[in-house]
Amino acid sequence: MVTLQELTAFFEKLAPKELAEDYDNVGLLVEGVTDEIEGIVIALDADEKTVLEAAEKGAQLVVTHHPVMFRPVNRLTEGEGGQRTLRRLLQKGIGLYAMHTNYDSAQGGLCDVFLDAFGEFSERSSFAGTEAGIGRIGILKTPCTLADLLKKGKQAFCPNGFLRYVGNENALIDTVAVCNGGGADMIYEAYALGAQVYVSGDCKHHHARFAYENNMNLIEINHYDAEVGFCRQIAEQLQQAFGNKLKVEVSCHEESPWKCI
């Protein structure tokens, strides 16, 4: 057993809340009925199936990357998915903790892991030029082609799926910028910082046009594939920190909502 206070201290050291973007909602979002935590279920997104699974497994806390509540909640009814999730948490007495852009931005967090998938780097920083912060830009130890980066991205994140790109497969790349998840709007910052390729998700037509018109390479890796690794990473870090004092499981319902034909 681990106390909720021990866990929140661990999470806030791992991903300090001050690293979260202004729009975000992170930390302990729902407090359960007990401060004694024996089991945790981890998911990229929590829904009512996640909560019911946690209850069946005797877990007292659900840990997610994406927060259930981004905006103020005005009602709790059965008519909408996010509201049902909150109702189930309250009904079952289970807590919910979210680490979103603070975990993206943290040293060793998702932005760093995302960049690491594309090679070894001689130097790196956030887009703000700091070690921690949103986005990563790095200089490859060994330059490679866009085709090489596409292969690495596909192998790491979507071996059975697809990715989209803009650019010349034979272009030689030494400066790579990334922001996992829905960071497409940061393409302009990446360009201003001198990135030859930008890797992110949730790209729209105007992002592709910007890359195309400015001879910039762009790789889109869909949001889910880029971030589902959060579940495994947090599970491993919890096991290393607390060992057999805590039962940690990734939700069996963890899957992308998207299907392709």
C-alpha atoms as a PDB file:
ATOM      1  CA  MET A   1       0.000   0.000   0.000  1.00  0.00           C
ATOM      2  CA  VAL A   2       1.120   3.542  -0.851  1.00  0.00           C
ATOM      3  CA  THR A   3      -0.538   6.705   0.389  1.00  0.00           C
ATOM      4  CA  LEU A   4      -2.121   9.171  -1.993  1.00  0.00           C
ATOM      5  CA  GLN A   5       0.232  11.826  -0.627  1.00  0.00           C
ATOM      6  CA  GLU A   6       3.259   9.688  -1.531  1.00  0.00           C
ATOM      7  CA  LEU A   7       1.910   9.158  -5.034  1.00  0.00           C
ATOM      8  CA  THR A   8       1.096  12.807  -5.682  1.00  0.00           C
ATOM      9  CA  ALA A   9       4.572  13.791  -4.470  1.00  0.00           C
ATOM     10  CA  PHE A  10       6.072  11.205  -6.842  1.00  0.00           C
ATOM     11  CA  PHE A  11       3.985  12.393  -9.797  1.00  0.00           C
ATOM     12  CA  GLU A  12       4.740  16.062  -9.166  1.00  0.00           C
ATOM     13  CA  LYS A  13       8.466  15.350  -9.001  1.00  0.00           C
ATOM     14  CA  LEU A  14       8.207  13.353 -12.230  1.00  0.00           C
ATOM     15  CA  ALA A  15       6.146  16.006 -14.014  1.00  0.00           C
ATOM     16  CA  PRO A  16       5.941  19.315 -12.099  1.00  0.00           C
ATOM     17  CA  LYS A  17       2.554  20.965 -12.527  1.00  0.00           C
ATOM     18  CA  GLU A  18       4.164  24.297 -13.375  1.00  0.00           C
ATOM     19  CA  LEU A  19       5.352  22.754 -16.672  1.00  0.00           C
ATOM     20  CA  ALA A  20       1.745  22.376 -17.860  1.00  0.00           C
ATOM     21  CA  GLU A  21       0.452  24.702 -20.568  1.00  0.00           C
ATOM     22  CA  ASP A  22      -1.928  27.464 -19.462  1.00  0.00           C
ATOM     23  CA  TYR A  23      -4.982  25.779 -20.993  1.00  0.00           C
ATOM     24  CA  ASP A  24      -4.307  22.444 -19.309  1.00  0.00           C
ATOM     25  CA  ASN A  25      -5.864  20.777 -16.264  1.00  0.00           C
ATOM     26  CA  VAL A  26      -3.474  18.429 -14.486  1.00  0.00           C
ATOM     27  CA  GLY A  27      -2.960  16.835 -11.090  1.00  0.00           C
ATOM     28  CA  LEU A  28      -5.522  15.202  -8.811  1.00  0.00           C
ATOM     29  CA  LEU A  29      -8.804  15.874 -10.614  1.00  0.00           C
ATOM     30  CA  VAL A  30     -11.046  13.554  -8.584  1.00  0.00           C
ATOM     31  CA  GLU A  31     -10.267  12.462  -5.039  1.00  0.00           C
ATOM     32  CA  GLY A  32     -11.371   8.948  -4.144  1.00  0.00           C
ATOM     33  CA  VAL A  33     -12.816   7.714  -0.876  1.00  0.00           C
ATOM     34  CA  THR A  34      -9.494   6.480   0.485  1.00  0.00           C
ATOM     35  CA  ASP A  35      -5.944   7.804   0.716  1.00  0.00           C
ATOM     36  CA  GLU A  36      -4.585   4.247   0.882  1.00  0.00           C
ATOM     37  CA  ILE A  37      -3.752   3.151  -2.654  1.00  0.00           C
ATOM     38  CA  GLU A  38      -3.150  -0.535  -3.356  1.00  0.00           C
ATOM     39  CA  GLY A  39      -3.884  -0.577  -7.086  1.00  0.00           C
ATOM     40  CA  ILE A  40      -3.680   1.785 -10.066  1.00  0.00           C
ATOM     41  CA  VAL A  41      -5.068   1.473 -13.591  1.00  0.00           C
ATOM     42  CA  ILE A  42      -3.301   3.556 -16.258  1.00  0.00           C
ATOM     43  CA  ALA A  43      -4.858   4.793 -19.511  1.00  0.00           C
ATOM     44  CA  LEU A  44      -4.204   7.410 -22.149  1.00  0.00           C
ATOM     45  CA  ASP A  45      -7.835   8.523 -21.766  1.00  0.00           C
ATOM     46  CA  ALA A  46     -10.283   7.491 -19.055  1.00  0.00           C
ATOM     47  CA  ASP A  47     -13.854   6.578 -19.915  1.00  0.00           C
ATOM     48  CA  GLU A  48     -16.542   4.745 -18.003  1.00  0.00           C
ATOM     49  CA  LYS A  49     -15.127   1.362 -19.096  1.00  0.00           C
ATOM     50  CA  THR A  50     -11.775   2.311 -17.571  1.00  0.00           C
ATOM     51  CA  VAL A  51     -13.438   3.207 -14.277  1.00  0.00           C
ATOM     52  CA  LEU A  52     -15.488   0.015 -14.128  1.00  0.00           C
ATOM     53  CA  GLU A  53     -12.343  -1.994 -14.901  1.00  0.00           C
ATOM     54  CA  ALA A  54     -10.525  -0.239 -12.055  1.00  0.00           C
ATOM     55  CA  ALA A  55     -13.410  -1.063  -9.700  1.00  0.00           C
ATOM     56  CA  GLU A  56     -13.431  -4.728 -10.756  1.00  0.00           C
ATOM     57  CA  LYS A  57      -9.671  -4.957 -10.158  1.00  0.00           C
ATOM     58  CA  GLY A  58      -9.877  -3.290  -6.762  1.00  0.00           C
ATOM     59  CA  ALA A  59      -7.880  -0.237  -7.831  1.00  0.00           C
ATOM     60  CA  GLN A  60      -8.326   3.020  -5.951  1.00  0.00           C
ATOM     61  CA  LEU A  61      -6.810   5.357  -8.549  1.00  0.00           C
ATOM     62  CA  VAL A  62      -6.876   5.859 -12.320  1.00  0.00           C
ATOM     63  CA  VAL A  63      -3.904   7.687 -13.858  1.00  0.00           C
ATOM     64  CA  THR A  64      -4.265   9.191 -17.325  1.00  0.00           C
ATOM     65  CA  HIS A  65      -2.368  11.372 -19.755  1.00  0.00           C
ATOM     66  CA  HIS A  66      -5.386  13.308 -21.023  1.00  0.00           C
ATOM     67  CA  PRO A  67      -7.569  14.940 -18.370  1.00  0.00           C
ATOM     68  CA  VAL A  68     -11.297  14.157 -18.415  1.00  0.00           C
ATOM     69  CA  MET A  69     -12.023  17.793 -17.554  1.00  0.00           C
ATOM     70  CA  PHE A  70     -10.472  20.463 -19.764  1.00  0.00           C
ATOM     71  CA  ARG A  71     -13.244  23.001 -19.209  1.00  0.00           C
ATOM     72  CA  PRO A  72     -15.668  23.685 -16.352  1.00  0.00           C
ATOM     73  CA  VAL A  73     -18.270  20.930 -15.973  1.00  0.00           C
ATOM     74  CA  ASN A  74     -21.769  22.369 -15.544  1.00  0.00           C
ATOM     75  CA  ARG A  75     -23.685  19.138 -15.024  1.00  0.00           C
ATOM     76  CA  LEU A  76     -23.181  15.427 -14.363  1.00  0.00           C
ATOM     77  CA  THR A  77     -25.706  13.414 -16.366  1.00  0.00           C
ATOM     78  CA  GLU A  78     -25.839  10.096 -18.180  1.00  0.00           C
ATOM     79  CA  GLY A  79     -26.197  11.894 -21.500  1.00  0.00           C
ATOM     80  CA  GLU A  80     -22.522  12.541 -22.296  1.00  0.00           C
ATOM     81  CA  GLY A  81     -19.435  10.331 -22.115  1.00  0.00           C
ATOM     82  CA  GLY A  82     -17.164  12.557 -20.055  1.00  0.00           C
ATOM     83  CA  GLN A  83     -19.948  13.213 -17.543  1.00  0.00           C
ATOM     84  CA  ARG A  84     -20.653   9.483 -17.258  1.00  0.00           C
ATOM     85  CA  THR A  85     -16.968   8.884 -16.547  1.00  0.00           C
ATOM     86  CA  LEU A  86     -17.023  11.399 -13.697  1.00  0.00           C
ATOM     87  CA  ARG A  87     -20.257   9.903 -12.340  1.00  0.00           C
ATOM     88  CA  ARG A  88     -18.709   6.404 -12.310  1.00  0.00           C
ATOM     89  CA  LEU A  89     -15.611   7.696 -10.500  1.00  0.00           C
ATOM     90  CA  LEU A  90     -17.781   9.261  -7.820  1.00  0.00           C
ATOM     91  CA  GLN A  91     -20.087   6.241  -7.599  1.00  0.00           C
ATOM     92  CA  LYS A  92     -17.160   3.838  -7.207  1.00  0.00           C
ATOM     93  CA  GLY A  93     -15.129   6.123  -4.945  1.00  0.00           C
ATOM     94  CA  ILE A  94     -12.121   5.998  -7.303  1.00  0.00           C
ATOM     95  CA  GLY A  95      -9.678   8.867  -7.763  1.00  0.00           C
ATOM     96  CA  LEU A  96      -8.315  10.298 -11.011  1.00  0.00           C
ATOM     97  CA  TYR A  97      -4.878  11.839 -11.563  1.00  0.00           C
ATOM     98  CA  ALA A  98      -3.794  13.376 -14.908  1.00  0.00           C
ATOM     99  CA  MET A  99      -0.323  14.224 -16.228  1.00  0.00           C
ATOM    100  CA  HIS A 100      -0.693  15.894 -19.602  1.00  0.00           C
ATOM    101  CA  THR A 101       1.448  18.699 -21.009  1.00  0.00           C
ATOM    102  CA  ASN A 102       3.483  18.739 -17.802  1.00  0.00           C
ATOM    103  CA  TYR A 103       4.578  15.158 -18.594  1.00  0.00           C
ATOM    104  CA  ASP A 104       5.130  16.058 -22.262  1.00  0.00           C
ATOM    105  CA  SER A 105       7.424  18.896 -21.187  1.00  0.00           C
ATOM    106  CA  ALA A 106       9.288  17.171 -18.343  1.00  0.00           C
ATOM    107  CA  GLN A 107      12.858  15.932 -18.782  1.00  0.00           C
ATOM    108  CA  GLY A 108      12.549  12.305 -19.864  1.00  0.00           C
ATOM    109  CA  GLY A 109       8.841  12.821 -20.645  1.00  0.00           C
ATOM    110  CA  LEU A 110       6.959  12.226 -23.860  1.00  0.00           C
ATOM    111  CA  CYS A 111       8.670  14.958 -25.897  1.00  0.00           C
ATOM    112  CA  ASP A 112      12.080  13.470 -25.115  1.00  0.00           C
ATOM    113  CA  VAL A 113      10.918   9.925 -25.818  1.00  0.00           C
ATOM    114  CA  PHE A 114       9.351  11.090 -29.085  1.00  0.00           C
ATOM    115  CA  LEU A 115      12.591  12.735 -30.213  1.00  0.00           C
ATOM    116  CA  ASP A 116      14.673   9.706 -29.202  1.00  0.00           C
ATOM    117  CA  ALA A 117      12.733   7.543 -31.659  1.00  0.00           C
ATOM    118  CA  PHE A 118      14.371   9.406 -34.538  1.00  0.00           C
ATOM    119  CA  GLY A 119      18.020   8.873 -33.623  1.00  0.00           C
ATOM    120  CA  GLU A 120      20.841   9.954 -31.351  1.00  0.00           C
ATOM    121  CA  PHE A 121      21.295  13.669 -30.800  1.00  0.00           C
ATOM    122  CA  SER A 122      24.422  15.646 -29.928  1.00  0.00           C
ATOM    123  CA  GLU A 123      22.335  18.460 -28.450  1.00  0.00           C
ATOM    124  CA  ARG A 124      18.676  19.135 -27.691  1.00  0.00           C
ATOM    125  CA  SER A 125      16.388  21.604 -25.973  1.00  0.00           C
ATOM    126  CA  SER A 126      12.757  22.567 -25.653  1.00  0.00           C
ATOM    127  CA  PHE A 127      11.448  25.144 -28.100  1.00  0.00           C
ATOM    128  CA  ALA A 128      12.109  27.730 -25.384  1.00  0.00           C
ATOM    129  CA  GLY A 129      15.790  26.713 -25.264  1.00  0.00           C
ATOM    130  CA  THR A 130      15.486  25.052 -21.847  1.00  0.00           C
ATOM    131  CA  GLU A 131      15.922  21.410 -20.819  1.00  0.00           C
ATOM    132  CA  ALA A 132      12.276  21.140 -19.763  1.00  0.00           C
ATOM    133  CA  GLY A 133       9.438  22.726 -21.695  1.00  0.00           C
ATOM    134  CA  ILE A 134       7.119  21.984 -24.586  1.00  0.00           C
ATOM    135  CA  GLY A 135       8.559  20.637 -27.842  1.00  0.00           C
ATOM    136  CA  ARG A 136      12.057  19.367 -28.579  1.00  0.00           C
ATOM    137  CA  ILE A 137      14.596  20.355 -31.202  1.00  0.00           C
ATOM    138  CA  GLY A 138      17.826  18.456 -31.632  1.00  0.00           C
ATOM    139  CA  ILE A 139      20.899  18.038 -33.799  1.00  0.00           C
ATOM    140  CA  LEU A 140      21.450  14.489 -35.028  1.00  0.00           C
ATOM    141  CA  LYS A 141      24.878  13.001 -34.341  1.00  0.00           C
ATOM    142  CA  THR A 142      24.716  11.494 -37.823  1.00  0.00           C
ATOM    143  CA  PRO A 143      22.636  13.254 -40.492  1.00  0.00           C
ATOM    144  CA  CYS A 144      20.171  11.039 -42.370  1.00  0.00           C
ATOM    145  CA  THR A 145      17.552  11.317 -45.079  1.00  0.00           C
ATOM    146  CA  LEU A 146      13.869  12.026 -44.623  1.00  0.00           C
ATOM    147  CA  ALA A 147      13.267   8.453 -45.825  1.00  0.00           C
ATOM    148  CA  ASP A 148      15.349   7.173 -42.892  1.00  0.00           C
ATOM    149  CA  LEU A 149      13.288   9.239 -40.438  1.00  0.00           C
ATOM    150  CA  LEU A 150      10.036   8.025 -41.974  1.00  0.00           C
ATOM    151  CA  LYS A 151      11.168   4.432 -41.529  1.00  0.00           C
ATOM    152  CA  LYS A 152      12.122   5.041 -37.895  1.00  0.00           C
ATOM    153  CA  GLY A 153       8.849   6.793 -37.159  1.00  0.00           C
ATOM    154  CA  LYS A 154       6.779   4.046 -38.691  1.00  0.00           C
ATOM    155  CA  GLN A 155       8.670   1.299 -36.860  1.00  0.00           C
ATOM    156  CA  ALA A 156       8.436   3.089 -33.506  1.00  0.00           C
ATOM    157  CA  PHE A 157       4.839   4.290 -33.573  1.00  0.00           C
ATOM    158  CA  CYS A 158       2.707   2.691 -36.263  1.00  0.00           C
ATOM    159  CA  PRO A 159       4.283  -0.488 -37.708  1.00  0.00           C
ATOM    160  CA  ASN A 160       0.852  -1.752 -38.746  1.00  0.00           C
ATOM    161  CA  GLY A 161      -0.631   1.636 -39.547  1.00  0.00           C
ATOM    162  CA  PHE A 162       0.316   4.631 -41.654  1.00  0.00           C
ATOM    163  CA  LEU A 163       1.887   8.043 -41.410  1.00  0.00           C
ATOM    164  CA  ARG A 164       1.685  11.061 -43.691  1.00  0.00           C
ATOM    165  CA  TYR A 165       4.475  13.369 -44.725  1.00  0.00           C
ATOM    166  CA  VAL A 166       5.372  16.406 -46.791  1.00  0.00           C
ATOM    167  CA  GLY A 167       8.818  16.755 -48.342  1.00  0.00           C
ATOM    168  CA  ASN A 168      11.581  15.128 -50.308  1.00  0.00           C
ATOM    169  CA  GLU A 169      12.489  11.600 -49.190  1.00  0.00           C
ATOM    170  CA  ASN A 170      16.085  12.190 -50.279  1.00  0.00           C
ATOM    171  CA  ALA A 171      16.495  15.418 -48.289  1.00  0.00           C
ATOM    172  CA  LEU A 172      19.453  15.264 -45.903  1.00  0.00           C
ATOM    173  CA  ILE A 173      18.380  16.108 -42.356  1.00  0.00           C
ATOM    174  CA  ASP A 174      20.440  17.095 -39.329  1.00  0.00           C
ATOM    175  CA  THR A 175      17.985  19.258 -37.339  1.00  0.00           C
ATOM    176  CA  VAL A 176      14.795  17.604 -36.106  1.00  0.00           C
ATOM    177  CA  ALA A 177      11.947  19.199 -34.150  1.00  0.00           C
ATOM    178  CA  VAL A 178       9.090  17.284 -32.543  1.00  0.00           C
ATOM    179  CA  CYS A 179       6.031  17.738 -30.392  1.00  0.00           C
ATOM    180  CA  ASN A 180       4.025  14.594 -29.682  1.00  0.00           C
ATOM    181  CA  GLY A 181       0.241  14.546 -29.863  1.00  0.00           C
ATOM    182  CA  GLY A 182      -1.613  17.584 -31.168  1.00  0.00           C
ATOM    183  CA  GLY A 183       1.310  19.951 -31.661  1.00  0.00           C
ATOM    184  CA  ALA A 184       0.748  20.784 -35.327  1.00  0.00           C
ATOM    185  CA  ASP A 185       0.398  24.518 -34.648  1.00  0.00           C
ATOM    186  CA  MET A 186       3.976  24.586 -33.353  1.00  0.00           C
ATOM    187  CA  ILE A 187       5.288  24.013 -36.878  1.00  0.00           C
ATOM    188  CA  TYR A 188       5.830  27.777 -37.158  1.00  0.00           C
ATOM    189  CA  GLU A 189       8.051  27.819 -34.068  1.00  0.00           C
ATOM    190  CA  ALA A 190       9.951  24.784 -35.341  1.00  0.00           C
ATOM    191  CA  TYR A 191      10.532  26.533 -38.664  1.00  0.00           C
ATOM    192  CA  ALA A 192      11.719  29.718 -36.946  1.00  0.00           C
ATOM    193  CA  LEU A 193      14.175  27.642 -34.897  1.00  0.00           C
ATOM    194  CA  GLY A 194      15.704  26.217 -38.071  1.00  0.00           C
ATOM    195  CA  ALA A 195      14.254  22.704 -38.031  1.00  0.00           C
ATOM    196  CA  GLN A 196      14.534  20.889 -41.343  1.00  0.00           C
ATOM    197  CA  VAL A 197      11.792  18.459 -40.362  1.00  0.00           C
ATOM    198  CA  TYR A 198       8.945  18.765 -37.906  1.00  0.00           C
ATOM    199  CA  VAL A 199       7.206  15.702 -36.464  1.00  0.00           C
ATOM    200  CA  SER A 200       3.820  16.006 -34.759  1.00  0.00           C
ATOM    201  CA  GLY A 201       0.155  15.043 -35.046  1.00  0.00           C
ATOM    202  CA  ASP A 202      -3.330  16.418 -35.733  1.00  0.00           C
ATOM    203  CA  CYS A 203      -2.016  18.246 -38.809  1.00  0.00           C
ATOM    204  CA  LYS A 204      -4.421  20.208 -41.004  1.00  0.00           C
ATOM    205  CA  HIS A 205      -4.194  21.259 -44.627  1.00  0.00           C
ATOM    206  CA  HIS A 206      -2.701  24.660 -43.801  1.00  0.00           C
ATOM    207  CA  HIS A 207       0.126  23.030 -41.844  1.00  0.00           C
ATOM    208  CA  ALA A 208       0.943  20.853 -44.849  1.00  0.00           C
ATOM    209  CA  ARG A 209       0.795  23.874 -47.163  1.00  0.00           C
ATOM    210  CA  PHE A 210       3.157  25.828 -44.916  1.00  0.00           C
ATOM    211  CA  ALA A 211       5.695  22.999 -45.012  1.00  0.00           C
ATOM    212  CA  TYR A 212       5.269  22.563 -48.767  1.00  0.00           C
ATOM    213  CA  GLU A 213       5.628  26.268 -49.580  1.00  0.00           C
ATOM    214  CA  ASN A 214       8.654  26.728 -47.316  1.00  0.00           C
ATOM    215  CA  ASN A 215      10.636  23.633 -48.361  1.00  0.00           C
ATOM    216  CA  MET A 216      10.225  22.186 -44.888  1.00  0.00           C
ATOM    217  CA  ASN A 217       9.724  18.490 -44.257  1.00  0.00           C
ATOM    218  CA  LEU A 218       6.728  17.472 -42.134  1.00  0.00           C
ATOM    219  CA  ILE A 219       5.891  14.057 -40.681  1.00  0.00           C
ATOM    220  CA  GLU A 220       2.498  13.437 -39.132  1.00  0.00           C
ATOM    221  CA  ILE A 221       2.172  10.626 -36.583  1.00  0.00           C
ATOM    222  CA  ASN A 222      -1.338  10.349 -35.270  1.00  0.00           C
ATOM    223  CA  HIS A 223      -2.090  11.542 -31.767  1.00  0.00           C
ATOM    224  CA  TYR A 224      -2.880   8.162 -30.222  1.00  0.00           C
ATOM    225  CA  ASP A 225       0.122   6.315 -31.637  1.00  0.00           C
ATOM    226  CA  ALA A 226       2.503   9.074 -30.531  1.00  0.00           C
ATOM    227  CA  GLU A 227       1.265   9.099 -26.928  1.00  0.00           C
ATOM    228  CA  VAL A 228      -0.019   5.644 -25.962  1.00  0.00           C
ATOM    229  CA  GLY A 229       3.518   4.834 -24.766  1.00  0.00           C
ATOM    230  CA  PHE A 230       2.687   7.020 -21.757  1.00  0.00           C
ATOM    231  CA  CYS A 231       0.863   4.041 -20.205  1.00  0.00           C
ATOM    232  CA  ARG A 232       3.862   1.710 -20.316  1.00  0.00           C
ATOM    233  CA  GLN A 233       6.300   4.417 -19.230  1.00  0.00           C
ATOM    234  CA  ILE A 234       4.278   5.399 -16.150  1.00  0.00           C
ATOM    235  CA  ALA A 235       3.673   1.743 -15.236  1.00  0.00           C
ATOM    236  CA  GLU A 236       7.416   1.051 -15.345  1.00  0.00           C
ATOM    237  CA  GLN A 237       8.274   4.163 -13.315  1.00  0.00           C
ATOM    238  CA  LEU A 238       5.698   3.291 -10.638  1.00  0.00           C
ATOM    239  CA  GLN A 239       6.975  -0.277 -10.372  1.00  0.00           C
ATOM    240  CA  GLN A 240      10.563   0.942 -10.039  1.00  0.00           C
ATOM    241  CA  ALA A 241       9.578   3.435  -7.347  1.00  0.00           C
ATOM    242  CA  PHE A 242       7.153   1.340  -5.272  1.00  0.00           C
ATOM    243  CA  GLY A 243       7.739  -2.304  -6.219  1.00  0.00           C
ATOM    244  CA  ASN A 244       5.297  -4.811  -4.746  1.00  0.00           C
ATOM    245  CA  LYS A 245       3.702  -2.189  -2.496  1.00  0.00           C
ATOM    246  CA  LEU A 246       1.534  -1.215  -5.467  1.00  0.00           C
ATOM    247  CA  LYS A 247      -0.334  -3.194  -8.124  1.00  0.00           C
ATOM    248  CA  VAL A 248      -0.085  -1.317 -11.424  1.00  0.00           C
ATOM    249  CA  GLU A 249      -1.886  -2.285 -14.633  1.00  0.00           C
ATOM    250  CA  VAL A 250      -2.446  -0.688 -18.032  1.00  0.00           C
ATOM    251  CA  SER A 251      -6.143  -0.669 -18.891  1.00  0.00           C
ATOM    252  CA  CYS A 252      -7.254  -3.621 -20.997  1.00  0.00           C
ATOM    253  CA  HIS A 253      -9.597  -1.219 -22.818  1.00  0.00           C
ATOM    254  CA  GLU A 254      -6.712   0.943 -24.088  1.00  0.00           C
ATOM    255  CA  GLU A 255      -7.203   1.358 -27.861  1.00  0.00           C
ATOM    256  CA  SER A 256      -7.398   4.065 -30.474  1.00  0.00           C
ATOM    257  CA  PRO A 257     -10.891   5.296 -31.309  1.00  0.00           C
ATOM    258  CA  TRP A 258      -9.903   5.521 -34.985  1.00  0.00           C
ATOM    259  CA  LYS A 259     -10.387   2.808 -37.570  1.00  0.00           C
ATOM    260  CA  CYS A 260      -9.084   2.887 -41.138  1.00  0.00           C
ATOM    261  CA  ILE A 261     -10.168   1.204 -44.357  1.00  0.00           C
END
